[in-house]
Amino acid sequence: MRWFNTARGDLDTARALLGLKRYAPACFHAQQAAEKAFKGLLVATGRLPKTHSIAQLLRELPEDPERHPRLVLAARLDKLYIATRYPDALPEGTDIAEAYDAKDAQEAIAVAEGTLALLQQWGGELGVPTS
């Protein structure tokens, strides 16, 4: 349950940062929300992979994730883990504050919201406390 609570907190932070027009940090916190939601389900089923890759976490799920296209979509958030925080992860001369816009943040938040909702539902089906 702690992982899901933390995921919800990251999602709230992403939304707040979007409202402040802090798009790169909003994208990062959306990625974090999705990552922690995956970890919430995995920890509840006895696993805690040491990775920040949503694509890797997706492969660790106890059932076939292909039945949930939105979960596969969540792997796109991996690109937001580093590049939203470290200037040297972007092309020379690119400022992080200018590299991401409202659309990027809105899309990342939407993916994270869908991912969290789906993983909480899945957890409920498995008898995992998610709230």
N, C-alpha and C. Protein backbone atom coordinates (compact mmCIF):
# COMPACT_ATOMS: atom_id res chain seq x y z
N MET A 1 0.81 -1.19 0.00
CA MET A 1 0.00 0.00 0.00
C MET A 1 0.87 1.26 0.00
N ARG A 2 2.04 1.21 0.64
CA ARG A 2 2.92 2.39 0.69
C ARG A 2 3.34 2.82 -0.70
N TRP A 3 3.61 1.86 -1.57
CA TRP A 3 4.02 2.19 -2.93
C TRP A 3 2.90 2.90 -3.68
N PHE A 4 1.69 2.41 -3.54
CA PHE A 4 0.56 3.05 -4.22
C PHE A 4 0.30 4.45 -3.65
N ASN A 5 0.42 4.61 -2.34
CA ASN A 5 0.25 5.94 -1.74
C ASN A 5 1.30 6.91 -2.27
N THR A 6 2.53 6.43 -2.35
CA THR A 6 3.60 7.28 -2.87
C THR A 6 3.38 7.60 -4.34
N ALA A 7 2.88 6.64 -5.09
CA ALA A 7 2.57 6.89 -6.51
C ALA A 7 1.51 7.97 -6.64
N ARG A 8 0.49 7.90 -5.80
CA ARG A 8 -0.56 8.93 -5.84
C ARG A 8 0.01 10.30 -5.48
N GLY A 9 0.93 10.34 -4.53
CA GLY A 9 1.58 11.60 -4.17
C GLY A 9 2.38 12.17 -5.32
N ASP A 10 3.12 11.31 -6.02
CA ASP A 10 3.87 11.78 -7.19
C ASP A 10 2.94 12.30 -8.27
N LEU A 11 1.81 11.65 -8.45
CA LEU A 11 0.84 12.10 -9.44
C LEU A 11 0.27 13.47 -9.05
N ASP A 12 -0.03 13.65 -7.78
CA ASP A 12 -0.50 14.97 -7.31
C ASP A 12 0.57 16.04 -7.55
N THR A 13 1.83 15.68 -7.29
CA THR A 13 2.93 16.62 -7.52
C THR A 13 3.05 16.96 -8.99
N ALA A 14 2.92 15.97 -9.86
CA ALA A 14 2.99 16.22 -11.30
C ALA A 14 1.90 17.20 -11.73
N ARG A 15 0.70 17.00 -11.22
CA ARG A 15 -0.41 17.90 -11.57
C ARG A 15 -0.14 19.32 -11.08
N ALA A 16 0.36 19.43 -9.85
CA ALA A 16 0.66 20.76 -9.30
C ALA A 16 1.74 21.45 -10.13
N LEU A 17 2.78 20.72 -10.51
CA LEU A 17 3.85 21.30 -11.31
C LEU A 17 3.36 21.70 -12.70
N LEU A 18 2.45 20.94 -13.26
CA LEU A 18 1.84 21.33 -14.54
C LEU A 18 1.16 22.68 -14.38
N GLY A 19 0.42 22.85 -13.30
CA GLY A 19 -0.26 24.12 -13.04
C GLY A 19 0.71 25.28 -12.88
N LEU A 20 1.92 24.99 -12.42
CA LEU A 20 2.96 26.02 -12.25
C LEU A 20 3.79 26.20 -13.52
N LYS A 21 3.45 25.48 -14.57
CA LYS A 21 4.18 25.51 -15.85
C LYS A 21 5.62 25.03 -15.71
N ARG A 22 5.81 24.09 -14.79
CA ARG A 22 7.11 23.44 -14.59
C ARG A 22 7.02 22.07 -15.25
N TYR A 23 7.14 22.09 -16.58
CA TYR A 23 6.79 20.92 -17.38
C TYR A 23 7.77 19.75 -17.23
N ALA A 24 9.06 20.02 -17.20
CA ALA A 24 10.02 18.91 -17.06
C ALA A 24 9.83 18.19 -15.72
N PRO A 25 9.77 18.91 -14.59
CA PRO A 25 9.53 18.20 -13.33
C PRO A 25 8.17 17.51 -13.29
N ALA A 26 7.17 18.09 -13.94
CA ALA A 26 5.86 17.43 -14.00
C ALA A 26 5.97 16.10 -14.73
N CYS A 27 6.73 16.10 -15.82
CA CYS A 27 6.94 14.85 -16.57
C CYS A 27 7.66 13.82 -15.71
N PHE A 28 8.70 14.26 -14.99
CA PHE A 28 9.45 13.34 -14.13
C PHE A 28 8.54 12.73 -13.06
N HIS A 29 7.74 13.55 -12.41
CA HIS A 29 6.88 13.01 -11.35
C HIS A 29 5.79 12.10 -11.91
N ALA A 30 5.37 12.33 -13.14
CA ALA A 30 4.43 11.40 -13.78
C ALA A 30 5.11 10.05 -13.98
N GLN A 31 6.37 10.07 -14.44
CA GLN A 31 7.13 8.83 -14.61
C GLN A 31 7.26 8.12 -13.27
N GLN A 32 7.57 8.88 -12.22
CA GLN A 32 7.73 8.30 -10.90
C GLN A 32 6.43 7.67 -10.40
N ALA A 33 5.31 8.32 -10.66
CA ALA A 33 4.01 7.77 -10.25
C ALA A 33 3.77 6.41 -10.89
N ALA A 34 4.04 6.32 -12.18
CA ALA A 34 3.84 5.05 -12.88
C ALA A 34 4.81 3.98 -12.37
N GLU A 35 6.08 4.35 -12.22
CA GLU A 35 7.08 3.40 -11.74
C GLU A 35 6.69 2.85 -10.37
N LYS A 36 6.28 3.72 -9.47
CA LYS A 36 5.93 3.29 -8.11
C LYS A 36 4.65 2.48 -8.08
N ALA A 37 3.74 2.75 -9.00
CA ALA A 37 2.53 1.92 -9.08
C ALA A 37 2.89 0.50 -9.50
N PHE A 38 3.79 0.37 -10.50
CA PHE A 38 4.26 -0.96 -10.89
C PHE A 38 4.91 -1.65 -9.71
N LYS A 39 5.78 -0.93 -9.00
CA LYS A 39 6.47 -1.53 -7.86
C LYS A 39 5.49 -1.91 -6.76
N GLY A 40 4.43 -1.14 -6.60
CA GLY A 40 3.42 -1.48 -5.60
C GLY A 40 2.82 -2.84 -5.85
N LEU A 41 2.49 -3.11 -7.10
CA LEU A 41 1.92 -4.42 -7.43
C LEU A 41 2.97 -5.51 -7.30
N LEU A 42 4.18 -5.23 -7.76
CA LEU A 42 5.23 -6.25 -7.70
C LEU A 42 5.63 -6.58 -6.27
N VAL A 43 5.77 -5.57 -5.42
CA VAL A 43 6.12 -5.81 -4.02
C VAL A 43 5.05 -6.66 -3.35
N ALA A 44 3.80 -6.37 -3.65
CA ALA A 44 2.69 -7.13 -3.06
C ALA A 44 2.68 -8.58 -3.51
N THR A 45 3.30 -8.87 -4.64
CA THR A 45 3.36 -10.25 -5.13
C THR A 45 4.72 -10.88 -4.85
N GLY A 46 5.50 -10.23 -3.95
CA GLY A 46 6.75 -10.84 -3.50
C GLY A 46 7.99 -10.49 -4.29
N ARG A 47 7.93 -9.46 -5.10
CA ARG A 47 9.12 -9.07 -5.87
C ARG A 47 9.38 -7.58 -5.70
N LEU A 48 10.65 -7.19 -5.75
CA LEU A 48 11.01 -5.78 -5.83
C LEU A 48 12.24 -5.66 -6.71
N PRO A 49 12.02 -5.57 -8.00
CA PRO A 49 13.15 -5.42 -8.92
C PRO A 49 13.89 -4.11 -8.65
N LYS A 50 15.19 -4.17 -8.72
CA LYS A 50 16.03 -2.98 -8.52
C LYS A 50 16.24 -2.31 -9.88
N THR A 51 15.21 -1.63 -10.34
CA THR A 51 15.28 -0.93 -11.62
C THR A 51 14.34 0.26 -11.59
N HIS A 52 14.65 1.23 -12.42
CA HIS A 52 13.75 2.37 -12.61
C HIS A 52 13.08 2.28 -13.97
N SER A 53 13.34 1.22 -14.70
CA SER A 53 12.79 1.05 -16.04
C SER A 53 11.38 0.47 -15.98
N ILE A 54 10.43 1.24 -16.45
CA ILE A 54 9.05 0.74 -16.50
C ILE A 54 8.95 -0.44 -17.45
N ALA A 55 9.70 -0.40 -18.54
CA ALA A 55 9.69 -1.52 -19.48
C ALA A 55 10.13 -2.81 -18.78
N GLN A 56 11.15 -2.72 -17.93
CA GLN A 56 11.61 -3.89 -17.18
C GLN A 56 10.56 -4.32 -16.15
N LEU A 57 9.98 -3.36 -15.46
CA LEU A 57 8.95 -3.68 -14.47
C LEU A 57 7.75 -4.35 -15.13
N LEU A 58 7.42 -3.92 -16.31
CA LEU A 58 6.32 -4.51 -17.08
C LEU A 58 6.57 -6.00 -17.32
N ARG A 59 7.84 -6.33 -17.61
CA ARG A 59 8.19 -7.74 -17.86
C ARG A 59 8.13 -8.59 -16.59
N GLU A 60 8.18 -7.94 -15.44
CA GLU A 60 8.17 -8.65 -14.16
C GLU A 60 6.77 -8.93 -13.62
N LEU A 61 5.76 -8.38 -14.27
CA LEU A 61 4.39 -8.56 -13.77
C LEU A 61 4.00 -10.03 -13.72
N PRO A 62 3.14 -10.41 -12.77
CA PRO A 62 2.78 -11.81 -12.59
C PRO A 62 1.91 -12.39 -13.70
N GLU A 63 1.28 -11.57 -14.52
CA GLU A 63 0.46 -12.06 -15.62
C GLU A 63 0.88 -11.36 -16.90
N ASP A 64 0.33 -11.81 -18.01
CA ASP A 64 0.66 -11.23 -19.31
C ASP A 64 0.16 -9.79 -19.41
N PRO A 65 1.06 -8.82 -19.48
CA PRO A 65 0.64 -7.43 -19.53
C PRO A 65 0.05 -7.01 -20.87
N GLU A 66 0.14 -7.85 -21.87
CA GLU A 66 -0.40 -7.48 -23.18
C GLU A 66 -1.92 -7.30 -23.14
N ARG A 67 -2.57 -7.83 -22.12
CA ARG A 67 -4.02 -7.63 -22.03
C ARG A 67 -4.35 -6.19 -21.62
N HIS A 68 -3.34 -5.45 -21.25
CA HIS A 68 -3.51 -4.06 -20.82
C HIS A 68 -2.66 -3.14 -21.69
N PRO A 69 -3.14 -2.75 -22.85
CA PRO A 69 -2.34 -1.89 -23.73
C PRO A 69 -1.84 -0.62 -23.04
N ARG A 70 -2.60 -0.10 -22.09
CA ARG A 70 -2.14 1.12 -21.39
C ARG A 70 -0.89 0.86 -20.57
N LEU A 71 -0.72 -0.37 -20.08
CA LEU A 71 0.49 -0.67 -19.33
C LEU A 71 1.69 -0.69 -20.26
N VAL A 72 1.51 -1.21 -21.44
CA VAL A 72 2.60 -1.22 -22.43
C VAL A 72 2.94 0.23 -22.78
N LEU A 73 1.93 1.06 -22.89
CA LEU A 73 2.12 2.48 -23.18
C LEU A 73 2.96 3.16 -22.11
N ALA A 74 2.86 2.72 -20.88
CA ALA A 74 3.59 3.33 -19.77
C ALA A 74 5.10 3.26 -19.96
N ALA A 75 5.58 2.28 -20.70
CA ALA A 75 7.03 2.16 -20.92
C ALA A 75 7.59 3.39 -21.63
N ARG A 76 6.73 4.14 -22.32
CA ARG A 76 7.20 5.38 -22.98
C ARG A 76 7.67 6.41 -21.96
N LEU A 77 7.23 6.28 -20.74
CA LEU A 77 7.63 7.23 -19.70
C LEU A 77 9.09 7.06 -19.29
N ASP A 78 9.71 5.93 -19.65
CA ASP A 78 11.11 5.70 -19.29
C ASP A 78 12.01 6.84 -19.75
N LYS A 79 11.73 7.41 -20.90
CA LYS A 79 12.59 8.47 -21.44
C LYS A 79 12.57 9.73 -20.58
N LEU A 80 11.61 9.82 -19.66
CA LEU A 80 11.47 11.00 -18.81
C LEU A 80 12.24 10.88 -17.50
N TYR A 81 12.80 9.72 -17.22
CA TYR A 81 13.46 9.50 -15.94
C TYR A 81 14.73 10.33 -15.77
N ILE A 82 15.55 10.40 -16.78
CA ILE A 82 16.82 11.11 -16.69
C ILE A 82 16.78 12.46 -17.39
N ALA A 83 16.28 12.49 -18.61
CA ALA A 83 16.36 13.70 -19.44
C ALA A 83 15.60 14.89 -18.86
N THR A 84 14.65 14.66 -17.98
CA THR A 84 13.89 15.76 -17.38
C THR A 84 14.64 16.41 -16.22
N ARG A 85 15.78 15.81 -15.82
CA ARG A 85 16.50 16.32 -14.65
C ARG A 85 17.95 16.68 -14.90
N TYR A 86 18.57 16.09 -15.91
CA TYR A 86 20.00 16.29 -16.11
C TYR A 86 20.27 16.97 -17.44
N PRO A 87 20.83 18.18 -17.41
CA PRO A 87 21.06 18.92 -18.66
C PRO A 87 21.92 18.18 -19.67
N ASP A 88 22.87 17.39 -19.19
CA ASP A 88 23.75 16.69 -20.14
C ASP A 88 23.08 15.48 -20.79
N ALA A 89 21.85 15.19 -20.42
CA ALA A 89 21.11 14.10 -21.06
C ALA A 89 20.39 14.58 -22.32
N LEU A 90 20.41 15.88 -22.55
CA LEU A 90 19.78 16.48 -23.72
C LEU A 90 20.84 16.95 -24.70
N PRO A 91 20.47 17.19 -25.95
CA PRO A 91 21.45 17.69 -26.92
C PRO A 91 22.08 19.00 -26.43
N GLU A 92 23.33 19.20 -26.78
CA GLU A 92 24.07 20.41 -26.40
C GLU A 92 23.25 21.66 -26.74
N GLY A 93 23.18 22.57 -25.78
CA GLY A 93 22.47 23.82 -25.99
C GLY A 93 20.99 23.77 -25.69
N THR A 94 20.48 22.60 -25.33
CA THR A 94 19.06 22.47 -25.01
C THR A 94 18.86 22.69 -23.51
N ASP A 95 17.98 23.59 -23.17
CA ASP A 95 17.65 23.87 -21.78
C ASP A 95 16.48 22.97 -21.36
N ILE A 96 16.60 22.34 -20.23
CA ILE A 96 15.53 21.44 -19.76
C ILE A 96 14.19 22.17 -19.70
N ALA A 97 14.21 23.41 -19.23
CA ALA A 97 12.96 24.16 -19.08
C ALA A 97 12.27 24.40 -20.42
N GLU A 98 13.04 24.35 -21.51
CA GLU A 98 12.47 24.58 -22.84
C GLU A 98 12.26 23.28 -23.61
N ALA A 99 12.75 22.18 -23.09
CA ALA A 99 12.68 20.90 -23.81
C ALA A 99 11.31 20.24 -23.69
N TYR A 100 10.55 20.60 -22.69
CA TYR A 100 9.24 20.00 -22.44
C TYR A 100 8.19 21.09 -22.37
N ASP A 101 7.00 20.77 -22.86
CA ASP A 101 5.92 21.76 -22.84
C ASP A 101 4.68 21.17 -22.15
N ALA A 102 3.62 21.97 -22.13
CA ALA A 102 2.40 21.56 -21.46
C ALA A 102 1.85 20.25 -22.03
N LYS A 103 1.93 20.11 -23.34
CA LYS A 103 1.43 18.89 -23.97
C LYS A 103 2.20 17.66 -23.48
N ASP A 104 3.53 17.78 -23.40
CA ASP A 104 4.34 16.66 -22.90
C ASP A 104 3.91 16.28 -21.48
N ALA A 105 3.75 17.28 -20.63
CA ALA A 105 3.38 17.01 -19.24
C ALA A 105 1.97 16.43 -19.15
N GLN A 106 1.04 16.98 -19.92
CA GLN A 106 -0.34 16.46 -19.90
C GLN A 106 -0.39 15.01 -20.36
N GLU A 107 0.37 14.69 -21.41
CA GLU A 107 0.39 13.31 -21.91
C GLU A 107 1.01 12.37 -20.88
N ALA A 108 2.11 12.79 -20.27
CA ALA A 108 2.77 11.95 -19.26
C ALA A 108 1.84 11.72 -18.07
N ILE A 109 1.16 12.76 -17.64
CA ILE A 109 0.23 12.63 -16.52
C ILE A 109 -0.93 11.71 -16.87
N ALA A 110 -1.45 11.84 -18.08
CA ALA A 110 -2.56 10.98 -18.50
C ALA A 110 -2.14 9.51 -18.51
N VAL A 111 -0.93 9.23 -19.01
CA VAL A 111 -0.44 7.85 -19.02
C VAL A 111 -0.27 7.36 -17.58
N ALA A 112 0.31 8.19 -16.72
CA ALA A 112 0.51 7.79 -15.33
C ALA A 112 -0.83 7.55 -14.62
N GLU A 113 -1.81 8.40 -14.88
CA GLU A 113 -3.14 8.22 -14.27
C GLU A 113 -3.75 6.89 -14.69
N GLY A 114 -3.70 6.60 -15.98
CA GLY A 114 -4.25 5.35 -16.48
C GLY A 114 -3.52 4.14 -15.93
N THR A 115 -2.20 4.26 -15.85
CA THR A 115 -1.38 3.17 -15.32
C THR A 115 -1.70 2.91 -13.86
N LEU A 116 -1.74 3.96 -13.07
CA LEU A 116 -2.04 3.81 -11.64
C LEU A 116 -3.42 3.19 -11.44
N ALA A 117 -4.41 3.68 -12.16
CA ALA A 117 -5.77 3.15 -12.02
C ALA A 117 -5.82 1.67 -12.39
N LEU A 118 -5.17 1.32 -13.47
CA LEU A 118 -5.20 -0.07 -13.93
C LEU A 118 -4.46 -1.00 -12.97
N LEU A 119 -3.31 -0.55 -12.47
CA LEU A 119 -2.55 -1.39 -11.54
C LEU A 119 -3.27 -1.51 -10.19
N GLN A 120 -3.94 -0.46 -9.75
CA GLN A 120 -4.73 -0.56 -8.52
C GLN A 120 -5.88 -1.55 -8.72
N GLN A 121 -6.52 -1.49 -9.86
CA GLN A 121 -7.61 -2.43 -10.16
C GLN A 121 -7.07 -3.86 -10.17
N TRP A 122 -5.96 -4.07 -10.85
CA TRP A 122 -5.34 -5.38 -10.94
C TRP A 122 -4.97 -5.87 -9.54
N GLY A 123 -4.39 -4.97 -8.74
CA GLY A 123 -4.05 -5.33 -7.37
C GLY A 123 -5.27 -5.76 -6.58
N GLY A 124 -6.37 -5.05 -6.77
CA GLY A 124 -7.62 -5.42 -6.10
C GLY A 124 -8.08 -6.81 -6.49
N GLU A 125 -7.93 -7.14 -7.77
CA GLU A 125 -8.31 -8.47 -8.25
C GLU A 125 -7.43 -9.55 -7.62
N LEU A 126 -6.18 -9.18 -7.30
CA LEU A 126 -5.25 -10.14 -6.69
C LEU A 126 -5.33 -10.12 -5.16
N GLY A 127 -6.21 -9.28 -4.61
CA GLY A 127 -6.33 -9.18 -3.16
C GLY A 127 -5.28 -8.31 -2.52
N VAL A 128 -4.66 -7.43 -3.30
CA VAL A 128 -3.61 -6.54 -2.81
C VAL A 128 -4.25 -5.24 -2.32
N PRO A 129 -3.94 -4.80 -1.09
CA PRO A 129 -4.46 -3.50 -0.66
C PRO A 129 -3.76 -2.39 -1.44
N THR A 130 -4.56 -1.52 -2.05
CA THR A 130 -3.98 -0.48 -2.90
C THR A 130 -4.34 0.93 -2.45
N SER A 131 -5.13 1.05 -1.39
CA SER A 131 -5.47 2.41 -0.92
C SER A 131 -5.53 2.46 0.58
